Protein backbone atom coordinates (compact mmCIF):
# COMPACT_ATOMS: atom_id res chain seq x y z
CA MET A 1 -44.09 -78.10 49.00
CA ILE A 2 -46.78 -75.79 48.75
CA VAL A 3 -46.01 -74.14 51.68
CA VAL A 4 -42.94 -73.46 50.21
CA LEU A 5 -44.08 -72.42 47.11
CA LEU A 6 -46.44 -69.91 48.67
CA ILE A 7 -43.40 -68.42 50.71
CA ALA A 8 -41.02 -67.84 48.26
CA PHE A 9 -44.19 -66.18 46.10
CA LEU A 10 -44.48 -63.88 48.89
CA ILE A 11 -40.77 -62.94 49.77
CA VAL A 12 -39.50 -63.11 46.01
CA GLY A 13 -43.03 -61.87 44.14
CA PRO A 14 -44.94 -62.39 40.98
CA LYS A 15 -42.59 -60.47 39.22
CA ASP A 16 -39.33 -62.33 40.41
CA LEU A 17 -40.19 -65.77 40.61
CA PRO A 18 -39.46 -66.84 37.32
CA LYS A 19 -35.98 -65.74 37.50
CA VAL A 20 -35.70 -67.00 40.84
CA ALA A 21 -37.29 -70.25 39.84
CA ARG A 22 -34.61 -70.93 36.99
CA TRP A 23 -31.55 -69.73 38.93
CA LEU A 24 -32.55 -72.32 41.25
CA GLY A 25 -32.78 -74.97 38.44
CA ARG A 26 -29.31 -73.62 37.43
CA MET A 27 -27.82 -74.04 41.05
CA VAL A 28 -29.55 -78.05 41.70
CA LYS A 29 -28.38 -78.99 37.98
CA ARG A 30 -24.53 -77.26 38.65
CA LEU A 31 -24.66 -79.33 42.11
CA ARG A 32 -25.79 -82.73 40.97
CA LEU A 33 -22.84 -82.66 38.14
CA LEU A 34 -20.33 -81.37 40.77
CA ILE A 35 -21.51 -84.31 43.14
CA LYS A 36 -20.93 -86.54 39.86
CA GLU A 37 -17.48 -85.11 39.53
CA LEU A 38 -16.96 -85.83 43.26
CA LYS A 39 -17.70 -89.48 43.09
CA GLU A 40 -16.08 -90.38 39.90
CA GLU A 41 -12.71 -88.46 41.09
CA THR A 42 -12.83 -90.13 44.82
CA GLY A 43 -13.84 -93.50 43.48
CA TRP A 44 -17.25 -93.19 45.31
CA ALA A 45 -18.38 -94.34 42.50
CA GLU A 46 -17.70 -97.48 41.46
CA PHE A 47 -17.43 -98.18 45.66
CA GLU A 48 -21.24 -97.95 45.29
CA LYS A 49 -21.25 -100.20 42.50
CA GLU A 50 -19.34 -102.78 44.18
CA LEU A 51 -21.73 -102.19 47.46
CA ASN A 52 -24.51 -102.44 45.23
CA ASP A 53 -23.59 -105.90 43.39
CA THR A 54 -22.76 -107.27 46.99
CA ARG A 55 -26.32 -106.35 48.32
CA THR A 56 -27.30 -107.99 45.07
CA ASP A 57 -25.28 -111.07 45.98
CA VAL A 58 -26.25 -111.36 49.63
CA GLU A 59 -29.70 -110.90 48.73
CA THR A 60 -29.51 -113.70 46.38
CA THR A 61 -27.74 -115.91 48.42
CA LEU A 62 -30.35 -115.35 50.92
CA LYS A 63 -33.06 -115.96 49.11
CA ASP A 64 -31.57 -119.45 47.83
CA VAL A 65 -30.78 -119.97 51.51
CA ARG A 66 -34.34 -119.65 52.57
CA HIS A 67 -35.91 -121.81 49.88
CA ASP A 68 -33.46 -124.36 51.37
CA LEU A 69 -34.18 -124.04 54.86
CA ASP A 70 -37.86 -124.30 53.52
CA ILE A 71 -39.39 -127.68 55.58
CA THR A 72 -42.99 -127.12 54.26
CA PRO A 73 -42.67 -130.30 51.80
CA GLU A 74 -41.23 -132.38 54.87
CA LEU A 75 -43.37 -131.28 57.27
CA LYS A 76 -46.65 -132.17 54.29
CA ASN A 77 -45.36 -135.61 53.99
CA ALA A 78 -45.19 -136.16 57.41
CA SER A 79 -48.64 -134.97 58.24
CA GLU A 80 -50.24 -137.57 55.12
CA GLN A 81 -47.97 -140.39 56.54
CA VAL A 82 -49.67 -139.73 60.07
CA GLU A 83 -53.11 -139.41 59.06
CA SER A 84 -53.04 -142.47 56.64
CA GLY A 85 -51.04 -144.32 60.07
CA ILE A 86 -54.52 -142.66 61.80
CA ARG A 87 -56.56 -144.42 58.68
CA ASP A 88 -55.21 -147.57 59.00
CA ILE A 89 -55.66 -148.01 62.85
CA ARG A 90 -59.26 -146.64 62.53
CA ARG A 91 -59.80 -149.28 60.02
CA GLU A 92 -58.56 -152.10 62.02
CA LEU A 93 -59.96 -150.88 64.91
CA ARG A 94 -63.27 -151.51 63.16
CA GLN A 95 -62.57 -154.68 61.95
CA THR A 96 -61.48 -155.43 65.82
CA ASN A 97 -64.98 -154.56 66.90
CA GLN A 98 -66.97 -156.41 64.08
CA GLU A 99 -64.96 -159.06 64.75
CA LEU A 100 -65.96 -159.35 68.37
CA LYS A 101 -69.61 -158.62 68.22
CA HIS A 102 -69.37 -161.64 65.34
CA THR A 103 -67.67 -163.80 68.12
CA ASP A 104 -69.97 -162.71 70.90
CA THR A 105 -73.59 -163.61 69.14
CA HIS A 106 -72.09 -166.94 68.53
């Protein structure tokens, strides 16, 4: 943007640069107004609104689906059950080992 301003300064000159800037500002304002009117006349504004609403609906639906597909709680529960089973097996092995030692000494 600085390069564009520098080029405009060199081409137009410092004396006329404010006039050119005001003229460009008016042209941009007119162009925006023209685009707004064109959108309203062609129904583009309504189409754009409907498109944004549809996008919002799709994003919400995807968010809900992702939440429903989250299997993290089930995996955590399964992991806890496996760990509990392993602890039980270790406990039983220790008891069996102690019983075997006890019977070997008698």
